[in-house]
Amino acid sequence: MITVEQAREAVLARIKRLPAVEVDILDTLGRVLAADISSDIDIAPFDNSAMDGYAVRAADVAGASEESPVVLDVVEHVAAGSFPVETVGAGQATRIMTGAPMPQGADAVVMVERTEALEAGGGAGGTAAIKAPVAVGENVRLRAEDVRTGDIVLSADEVVSAAAIGLMAAMGRPKASVYRRPRVAIVATGDELVGIDEYPGPGKIRNSNSYSLAAQVLAAGGEPHILPVARDNEADTRAILSRAPEFDLMVSTGGVSMGDFDVVKDVLEDIGVMDFWKVAMRPGAPQTYGTIGGTPFFGLPGNPTSTTVGFELFVRPAMRKMAGYGALERPTVQAVLTHDVKKKSDRRYFLRGRLTRTDDGYSVALSGSQSSAMLTSMHRANCLVSLAEGESFFSAGSIVTCIRLDIEEGVK
């Protein structure tokens, strides 16, 4: 058996980024840009008011106060979306709304809360009392203050955020180039499997693994494709696994151990290349990896938790590398174990746990039964407690490493 680190290194060594595709702006969210994006305009495109109020010459209101307001003639009223035509001269002001262009002559805006309209004048005319001074440039957003024409605003390899989408929209980019989402084939194996809409008869179980894997693929940013169940014979398994080149990656569940009807390993060796078969870990030591027609293939164990953990450790990082991400691993934290845990010393354990925030950091307890056949403790878990090889007993109070399942990888 190889170690978890050796297995992960072997997996990622074969994985390449997928080609770039151009998609609609909203479809870029959370994905990795494949090309720089520059601006075709200045942002802001013109000097504009950051407040509702009056555009003034700062020098005219330098001595303004509540007790001694400065009264100015209002020459114009400018709303957002319109453009001023009057110049603000000495002793004058323009009534202005947030986002409206600054008029010529004005160099500051007094917010409306520090003013009082004295005489109504319709769209123009009247007077206003200014009750506070302003500095030159106060409450004014300058042209190109955020972005200049030609600036590279978003760079290749960035992960697109909601703010990045806003910038793309401001720069007139309805589409952008991102790395393609991995198309992942999902194959459950076993004569015992029936559809999830069927009532299982004697000796049968519902095919839940295909759906948990599909959900994991979706959560990792991929496109799941559930294929027909491969029955426990070489001909049927070969026919299904031979479809791997139609996809970017294939994941099977079950049929990789040493049972009389576990044929996935033999089929892989017959139609593809096998890089490794067993990993020194629990749950799920029979983790199989190779290629079929050049497509990466992961043969995960059939027990539900073994399948889930194997996906987290090996498939998810591979998918993220395909999709262009630099950060491939879930974040980890150190936590205080709240109870004793025994294990075999010859392999790494990944136990389902529940992290709790404490005044000093984190504590962690197992989230239920660690049987690889049970999903309920996986459902309750927010981490995998990683217990290293070479140790067989971890006492309460031990500091252990926890892989956060409730937090995405870093943006890079």
Protein backbone atom coordinates (compact mmCIF):
# COMPACT_ATOMS: atom_id res chain seq x y z
CA MET A 1 0.00 0.00 0.00
CA ILE A 2 1.11 3.54 -0.67
CA THR A 3 0.58 6.53 1.60
CA VAL A 4 -2.12 9.15 1.17
CA GLU A 5 0.53 11.69 0.14
CA GLN A 6 1.99 9.34 -2.47
CA ALA A 7 -1.47 8.64 -3.85
CA ARG A 8 -2.36 12.31 -4.07
CA GLU A 9 0.95 13.12 -5.76
CA ALA A 10 0.36 10.37 -8.32
CA VAL A 11 -3.14 11.66 -9.02
CA LEU A 12 -2.25 15.32 -9.43
CA ALA A 13 0.82 14.60 -11.56
CA ARG A 14 -1.47 13.43 -14.39
CA ILE A 15 -4.11 16.14 -14.12
CA LYS A 16 -4.04 19.06 -16.56
CA ARG A 17 -6.15 22.19 -16.82
CA LEU A 18 -9.14 21.93 -19.11
CA PRO A 19 -9.50 24.28 -22.10
CA ALA A 20 -10.98 27.74 -21.65
CA VAL A 21 -14.54 28.54 -22.69
CA GLU A 22 -16.38 31.84 -23.07
CA VAL A 23 -19.50 32.02 -20.92
CA ASP A 24 -22.12 34.57 -19.95
CA ILE A 25 -21.10 36.93 -17.18
CA LEU A 26 -23.21 35.32 -14.44
CA ASP A 27 -21.89 31.87 -15.31
CA THR A 28 -18.38 33.03 -14.36
CA LEU A 29 -19.16 33.29 -10.64
CA GLY A 30 -16.76 31.19 -8.59
CA ARG A 31 -14.82 30.07 -11.66
CA VAL A 32 -11.23 30.78 -12.70
CA LEU A 33 -10.53 33.42 -15.34
CA ALA A 34 -8.49 32.17 -18.27
CA ALA A 35 -7.55 35.62 -19.60
CA ASP A 36 -6.99 39.16 -18.36
CA ILE A 37 -9.89 41.61 -18.57
CA SER A 38 -9.17 45.28 -19.23
CA SER A 39 -11.48 48.29 -19.17
CA ASP A 40 -12.71 50.16 -22.23
CA ILE A 41 -13.68 53.20 -20.16
CA ASP A 42 -12.71 55.21 -17.12
CA ILE A 43 -14.60 54.25 -13.96
CA ALA A 44 -16.04 56.63 -12.84
CA PRO A 45 -16.49 57.97 -16.41
CA PHE A 46 -16.85 61.57 -15.13
CA ASP A 47 -16.52 63.56 -11.92
CA ASN A 48 -19.76 63.02 -10.00
CA SER A 49 -21.42 63.71 -6.69
CA ALA A 50 -21.15 61.15 -3.90
CA MET A 51 -24.09 62.75 -2.05
CA ASP A 52 -27.43 64.42 -2.53
CA GLY A 53 -26.82 68.10 -1.82
CA TYR A 54 -25.34 71.21 -3.43
CA ALA A 55 -22.30 71.48 -5.67
CA VAL A 56 -20.37 74.56 -4.56
CA ARG A 57 -17.04 76.31 -4.65
CA ALA A 58 -15.37 75.32 -1.37
CA ALA A 59 -13.92 78.80 -0.95
CA ASP A 60 -17.44 80.34 -0.94
CA VAL A 61 -18.56 78.31 2.10
CA ALA A 62 -15.35 78.22 4.13
CA GLY A 63 -16.96 80.20 6.95
CA ALA A 64 -20.38 78.53 6.90
CA SER A 65 -21.92 77.28 10.16
CA GLU A 66 -25.29 76.53 11.74
CA GLU A 67 -25.26 79.92 13.40
CA SER A 68 -24.00 81.81 10.35
CA PRO A 69 -25.00 80.00 7.13
CA VAL A 70 -23.80 81.13 3.72
CA VAL A 71 -26.65 81.82 1.28
CA LEU A 72 -25.98 80.89 -2.36
CA ASP A 73 -28.00 81.37 -5.55
CA VAL A 74 -29.09 78.05 -7.05
CA VAL A 75 -28.45 78.10 -10.79
CA GLU A 76 -29.48 74.58 -11.77
CA HIS A 77 -30.90 71.26 -10.54
CA VAL A 78 -28.99 68.19 -11.84
CA ALA A 79 -30.30 64.65 -11.41
CA ALA A 80 -28.40 61.40 -12.01
CA GLY A 81 -28.53 60.63 -15.72
CA SER A 82 -28.65 64.28 -16.79
CA PHE A 83 -25.75 66.62 -17.54
CA PRO A 84 -25.19 70.12 -16.14
CA VAL A 85 -25.15 73.07 -18.51
CA GLU A 86 -24.63 75.94 -16.08
CA THR A 87 -21.26 76.91 -14.62
CA VAL A 88 -21.11 77.53 -10.87
CA GLY A 89 -19.66 80.95 -10.25
CA ALA A 90 -18.89 82.94 -7.11
CA GLY A 91 -21.87 82.93 -4.72
CA GLN A 92 -23.64 80.20 -6.68
CA ALA A 93 -24.53 76.52 -6.24
CA THR A 94 -26.14 73.68 -8.18
CA ARG A 95 -28.66 71.36 -6.54
CA ILE A 96 -27.24 67.90 -7.30
CA MET A 97 -28.21 64.27 -6.78
CA THR A 98 -25.94 61.30 -6.00
CA GLY A 99 -24.17 60.11 -9.15
CA ALA A 100 -24.93 63.24 -11.15
CA PRO A 101 -22.02 64.86 -13.06
CA MET A 102 -20.28 67.74 -11.32
CA PRO A 103 -20.93 71.15 -12.94
CA GLN A 104 -18.11 73.33 -14.18
CA GLY A 105 -16.80 75.68 -11.52
CA ALA A 106 -17.84 73.56 -8.51
CA ASP A 107 -15.16 71.69 -6.58
CA ALA A 108 -17.08 70.15 -3.66
CA VAL A 109 -20.53 68.97 -2.57
CA VAL A 110 -22.29 69.89 0.66
CA MET A 111 -24.60 67.08 1.77
CA VAL A 112 -28.25 68.05 1.87
CA GLU A 113 -28.45 67.43 5.64
CA ARG A 114 -26.21 70.49 6.16
CA THR A 115 -28.27 72.81 3.97
CA GLU A 116 -31.68 74.44 3.80
CA ALA A 117 -33.59 75.50 0.69
CA LEU A 118 -34.77 79.06 1.26
CA GLU A 119 -36.63 79.92 -1.92
CA ALA A 120 -38.20 77.50 -4.35
CA GLY A 121 -37.30 78.05 -7.94
CA GLY A 122 -38.36 74.93 -9.85
CA GLY A 123 -35.55 73.36 -11.83
CA ALA A 124 -33.32 76.39 -11.24
CA GLY A 125 -33.40 79.60 -9.29
CA GLY A 126 -34.01 80.18 -5.62
CA THR A 127 -31.42 80.19 -2.87
CA ALA A 128 -29.96 77.73 -0.41
CA ALA A 129 -28.42 78.20 3.01
CA ILE A 130 -25.17 76.27 3.46
CA LYS A 131 -24.59 75.45 7.14
CA ALA A 132 -21.18 73.76 7.08
CA PRO A 133 -17.87 74.20 5.25
CA VAL A 134 -16.43 71.59 2.88
CA ALA A 135 -12.93 70.91 1.65
CA VAL A 136 -12.01 70.92 -2.03
CA GLY A 137 -12.97 67.49 -3.43
CA GLU A 138 -15.20 66.56 -0.51
CA ASN A 139 -18.11 64.29 -1.51
CA VAL A 140 -16.87 64.21 -5.10
CA ARG A 141 -16.00 60.99 -6.94
CA LEU A 142 -13.37 61.79 -9.54
CA ARG A 143 -13.20 60.50 -13.09
CA ALA A 144 -11.09 57.31 -13.32
CA GLU A 145 -10.86 57.22 -9.54
CA ASP A 146 -11.46 53.45 -9.59
CA VAL A 147 -10.29 52.32 -13.05
CA ARG A 148 -8.54 53.96 -15.99
CA THR A 149 -9.17 53.08 -19.62
CA GLY A 150 -6.88 50.23 -20.61
CA ASP A 151 -6.20 49.07 -17.04
CA ILE A 152 -6.10 45.30 -16.51
CA VAL A 153 -8.70 45.09 -13.78
CA LEU A 154 -9.18 41.32 -13.51
CA SER A 155 -6.26 38.97 -14.10
CA ALA A 156 -6.07 35.46 -15.47
CA ASP A 157 -6.18 32.81 -12.70
CA GLU A 158 -8.38 34.98 -10.46
CA VAL A 159 -11.52 33.38 -9.04
CA VAL A 160 -14.54 35.43 -10.03
CA SER A 161 -16.42 37.02 -7.13
CA ALA A 162 -19.68 38.96 -7.11
CA ALA A 163 -17.67 42.21 -7.06
CA ALA A 164 -15.67 41.00 -10.08
CA ILE A 165 -18.93 40.43 -11.95
CA GLY A 166 -19.94 44.00 -11.11
CA LEU A 167 -16.62 45.23 -12.53
CA MET A 168 -17.12 43.17 -15.70
CA ALA A 169 -20.55 44.72 -16.12
CA ALA A 170 -19.12 48.22 -15.61
CA MET A 171 -16.45 47.46 -18.22
CA GLY A 172 -19.02 46.31 -20.76
CA ARG A 173 -18.09 42.61 -20.64
CA PRO A 174 -21.23 40.44 -21.03
CA LYS A 175 -19.01 37.36 -21.45
CA ALA A 176 -15.65 36.21 -20.13
CA SER A 177 -13.19 33.39 -20.68
CA VAL A 178 -12.97 30.84 -17.84
CA TYR A 179 -11.67 27.29 -17.53
CA ARG A 180 -14.24 24.68 -18.39
CA ARG A 181 -16.07 22.77 -15.67
CA PRO A 182 -15.00 19.10 -15.51
CA ARG A 183 -17.56 16.68 -16.95
CA VAL A 184 -17.55 13.75 -14.52
CA ALA A 185 -18.96 10.31 -15.29
CA ILE A 186 -20.32 8.48 -12.24
CA VAL A 187 -20.59 4.69 -12.30
CA ALA A 188 -22.04 2.64 -9.48
CA THR A 189 -21.29 -1.09 -9.61
CA GLY A 190 -23.11 -4.07 -8.16
CA ASP A 191 -25.89 -6.56 -8.83
CA GLU A 192 -27.50 -5.49 -5.57
CA LEU A 193 -28.35 -1.97 -6.71
CA VAL A 194 -31.81 -0.74 -7.66
CA GLY A 195 -33.02 2.75 -8.55
CA ILE A 196 -33.75 5.22 -5.79
CA ASP A 197 -37.42 5.26 -6.83
CA GLU A 198 -37.68 1.48 -6.36
CA TYR A 199 -38.48 -0.43 -3.18
CA PRO A 200 -35.52 -2.77 -2.66
CA GLY A 201 -36.41 -6.44 -2.60
CA PRO A 202 -34.50 -9.21 -0.83
CA GLY A 203 -30.74 -8.65 -1.02
CA LYS A 204 -31.12 -5.32 -2.83
CA ILE A 205 -30.26 -1.73 -1.85
CA ARG A 206 -30.94 1.63 -3.45
CA ASN A 207 -28.18 3.23 -5.49
CA SER A 208 -27.48 6.11 -3.12
CA ASN A 209 -23.76 6.42 -3.88
CA SER A 210 -24.33 7.73 -7.40
CA TYR A 211 -26.33 10.61 -5.97
CA SER A 212 -23.99 11.48 -3.12
CA LEU A 213 -21.11 11.49 -5.64
CA ALA A 214 -23.10 13.63 -8.07
CA ALA A 215 -23.74 16.11 -5.26
CA GLN A 216 -20.03 16.18 -4.41
CA VAL A 217 -19.21 16.81 -8.07
CA LEU A 218 -21.66 19.70 -8.16
CA ALA A 219 -20.26 21.15 -4.94
CA ALA A 220 -16.75 20.95 -6.41
CA GLY A 221 -17.85 22.91 -9.49
CA GLY A 222 -18.20 20.02 -11.92
CA GLU A 223 -20.93 18.60 -14.13
CA PRO A 224 -22.04 15.13 -12.96
CA HIS A 225 -23.26 12.50 -15.45
CA ILE A 226 -24.75 9.43 -13.78
CA LEU A 227 -24.23 6.41 -16.06
CA PRO A 228 -26.09 3.08 -15.87
CA VAL A 229 -25.12 0.71 -13.08
CA ALA A 230 -22.30 -1.67 -14.02
CA ARG A 231 -23.33 -5.15 -13.02
CA ASP A 232 -20.91 -7.57 -11.40
CA ASN A 233 -19.45 -9.12 -14.52
CA GLU A 234 -16.54 -8.14 -16.68
CA ALA A 235 -18.50 -7.65 -19.90
CA ASP A 236 -20.96 -5.19 -18.40
CA THR A 237 -18.30 -3.36 -16.39
CA ARG A 238 -16.03 -3.10 -19.45
CA ALA A 239 -18.85 -1.69 -21.56
CA ILE A 240 -19.59 1.05 -19.01
CA LEU A 241 -15.98 1.92 -18.12
CA SER A 242 -15.05 2.08 -21.79
CA ARG A 243 -17.12 5.25 -21.98
CA ALA A 244 -14.54 7.13 -19.88
CA PRO A 245 -13.04 9.01 -22.91
CA GLU A 246 -16.43 10.70 -23.43
CA PHE A 247 -15.76 12.64 -20.21
CA ASP A 248 -13.01 14.59 -18.47
CA LEU A 249 -12.94 12.22 -15.50
CA MET A 250 -14.67 9.03 -14.42
CA VAL A 251 -15.50 7.90 -10.88
CA SER A 252 -16.81 4.47 -10.00
CA THR A 253 -18.01 3.22 -6.64
CA GLY A 254 -17.74 -0.40 -5.54
CA GLY A 255 -16.14 -3.46 -7.09
CA VAL A 256 -12.53 -2.57 -6.23
CA SER A 257 -11.87 -4.89 -3.29
CA MET A 258 -10.93 -8.59 -3.37
CA GLY A 259 -14.36 -10.22 -3.54
CA ASP A 260 -15.25 -12.86 -6.10
CA PHE A 261 -17.32 -10.32 -8.04
CA ASP A 262 -15.08 -7.25 -7.67
CA VAL A 263 -14.06 -6.83 -11.29
CA VAL A 264 -13.27 -3.10 -11.63
CA LYS A 265 -9.53 -3.54 -11.00
CA ASP A 266 -9.24 -6.32 -13.59
CA VAL A 267 -11.20 -4.33 -16.18
CA LEU A 268 -9.09 -1.24 -15.58
CA GLU A 269 -5.90 -3.21 -16.11
CA ASP A 270 -7.39 -4.69 -19.30
CA ILE A 271 -8.67 -1.52 -20.98
CA GLY A 272 -6.55 1.18 -19.31
CA VAL A 273 -3.57 1.84 -17.07
CA MET A 274 -3.63 1.38 -13.28
CA ASP A 275 -1.34 3.63 -11.23
CA PHE A 276 -2.26 2.30 -7.79
CA TRP A 277 -4.81 0.08 -6.09
CA LYS A 278 -4.50 0.38 -2.32
CA VAL A 279 -3.80 3.34 -0.03
CA ALA A 280 -2.82 3.10 3.64
CA MET A 281 -5.95 4.81 4.94
CA ARG A 282 -9.24 4.17 6.65
CA PRO A 283 -11.99 4.24 5.61
CA GLY A 284 -11.52 2.98 2.07
CA ALA A 285 -8.09 1.39 1.63
CA PRO A 286 -8.91 -0.04 -1.84
CA GLN A 287 -8.68 3.33 -3.63
CA THR A 288 -7.96 2.66 -7.30
CA TYR A 289 -6.55 5.18 -9.75
CA GLY A 290 -5.48 5.07 -13.37
CA THR A 291 -6.52 6.15 -16.84
CA ILE A 292 -8.84 4.81 -19.51
CA GLY A 293 -8.15 6.18 -22.97
CA GLY A 294 -6.27 9.05 -21.33
CA THR A 295 -9.18 9.96 -19.04
CA PRO A 296 -8.39 9.90 -15.30
CA PHE A 297 -10.28 7.09 -13.58
CA PHE A 298 -11.00 6.79 -9.84
CA GLY A 299 -12.31 3.48 -8.53
CA LEU A 300 -13.68 4.26 -5.07
CA PRO A 301 -14.83 1.65 -2.52
CA GLY A 302 -18.52 0.88 -2.33
CA ASN A 303 -19.26 1.67 1.30
CA PRO A 304 -20.94 5.08 1.41
CA THR A 305 -18.49 6.80 3.73
CA SER A 306 -15.47 5.26 1.99
CA THR A 307 -16.80 6.67 -1.27
CA THR A 308 -17.35 10.12 0.23
CA VAL A 309 -13.94 10.31 1.89
CA GLY A 310 -12.13 9.01 -1.19
CA PHE A 311 -13.80 11.69 -3.29
CA GLU A 312 -12.77 14.41 -0.83
CA LEU A 313 -9.13 13.32 -0.67
CA PHE A 314 -8.44 12.48 -4.31
CA VAL A 315 -11.20 13.38 -6.77
CA ARG A 316 -12.05 16.86 -5.54
CA PRO A 317 -8.44 18.16 -5.75
CA ALA A 318 -8.14 16.68 -9.25
CA MET A 319 -11.35 18.39 -10.36
CA ARG A 320 -10.19 21.72 -8.97
CA LYS A 321 -6.88 21.46 -10.80
CA MET A 322 -8.76 20.71 -14.02
CA ALA A 323 -10.91 23.80 -13.49
CA GLY A 324 -7.86 26.05 -13.09
CA TYR A 325 -7.77 26.56 -9.33
CA GLY A 326 -4.47 26.94 -7.53
CA ALA A 327 -5.84 26.07 -4.08
CA LEU A 328 -6.65 22.37 -4.22
CA GLU A 329 -6.99 21.35 -0.58
CA ARG A 330 -9.65 22.10 2.01
CA PRO A 331 -8.38 24.24 4.89
CA THR A 332 -7.25 22.51 8.07
CA VAL A 333 -7.30 23.56 11.73
CA GLN A 334 -5.81 22.13 14.90
CA ALA A 335 -8.33 21.03 17.54
CA VAL A 336 -8.40 19.46 20.98
CA LEU A 337 -9.80 15.94 20.92
CA THR A 338 -12.54 15.63 23.55
CA HIS A 339 -12.35 11.86 24.05
CA ASP A 340 -10.00 8.90 23.57
CA VAL A 341 -9.67 7.33 20.10
CA LYS A 342 -8.07 3.97 19.27
CA LYS A 343 -6.88 3.00 15.79
CA LYS A 344 -4.60 0.64 13.89
CA SER A 345 -1.10 2.06 13.63
CA ASP A 346 -0.39 1.00 10.05
CA ARG A 347 -2.56 3.56 8.27
CA ARG A 348 -3.95 7.09 8.29
CA TYR A 349 -7.46 7.46 9.67
CA PHE A 350 -9.99 10.02 8.50
CA LEU A 351 -12.76 10.04 11.08
CA ARG A 352 -15.97 11.98 10.85
CA GLY A 353 -15.94 14.74 13.44
CA ARG A 354 -17.76 17.79 14.70
CA LEU A 355 -15.66 20.89 15.34
CA THR A 356 -16.76 23.37 17.98
CA ARG A 357 -15.30 26.83 18.45
CA THR A 358 -13.87 27.47 21.93
CA ASP A 359 -12.28 30.47 23.64
CA ASP A 360 -8.85 29.00 22.87
CA GLY A 361 -9.50 27.67 19.37
CA TYR A 362 -11.36 24.46 18.50
CA SER A 363 -12.40 21.21 20.10
CA VAL A 364 -13.53 18.16 18.14
CA ALA A 365 -15.57 15.05 18.90
CA LEU A 366 -16.50 12.16 16.63
CA SER A 367 -19.91 12.74 15.07
CA GLY A 368 -21.21 9.19 15.49
CA SER A 369 -20.44 5.64 14.44
CA GLN A 370 -17.33 5.37 12.26
CA SER A 371 -18.63 2.34 10.35
CA SER A 372 -17.92 2.97 6.67
CA ALA A 373 -21.43 1.76 5.83
CA MET A 374 -23.12 4.60 7.75
CA LEU A 375 -23.75 8.02 6.26
CA THR A 376 -25.52 9.62 9.22
CA SER A 377 -22.27 10.47 11.00
CA MET A 378 -20.95 11.90 7.70
CA HIS A 379 -24.08 14.02 7.49
CA ARG A 380 -23.49 15.35 11.02
CA ALA A 381 -19.77 15.97 10.46
CA ASN A 382 -18.20 19.29 9.58
CA CYS A 383 -14.66 17.91 9.40
CA LEU A 384 -12.51 14.85 8.90
CA VAL A 385 -10.23 14.16 11.86
CA SER A 386 -6.88 13.12 10.39
CA LEU A 387 -4.96 10.68 12.63
CA ALA A 388 -1.47 9.83 11.40
CA GLU A 389 0.16 6.47 10.79
CA GLY A 390 2.48 5.13 13.47
CA GLU A 391 0.11 5.88 16.34
CA SER A 392 -2.57 3.61 17.77
CA PHE A 393 -4.03 5.71 20.59
CA PHE A 394 -5.01 9.37 20.85
CA SER A 395 -6.08 10.39 24.33
CA ALA A 396 -8.57 13.09 25.20
CA GLY A 397 -6.75 16.41 25.12
CA SER A 398 -4.56 15.45 22.15
CA ILE A 399 -4.11 18.08 19.45
CA VAL A 400 -5.31 16.69 16.11
CA THR A 401 -5.56 17.99 12.55
CA CYS A 402 -9.06 18.50 11.19
CA ILE A 403 -9.94 18.93 7.50
CA ARG A 404 -12.76 21.47 7.27
CA LEU A 405 -15.65 20.17 5.17
CA ASP A 406 -17.71 23.29 5.83
CA ILE A 407 -15.24 25.72 4.22
CA GLU A 408 -14.23 25.94 0.58
CA GLU A 409 -10.63 25.96 -0.51
CA GLY A 410 -8.87 29.33 -0.71
CA VAL A 411 -9.48 31.44 -3.81
CA LYS A 412 -6.08 30.63 -5.28
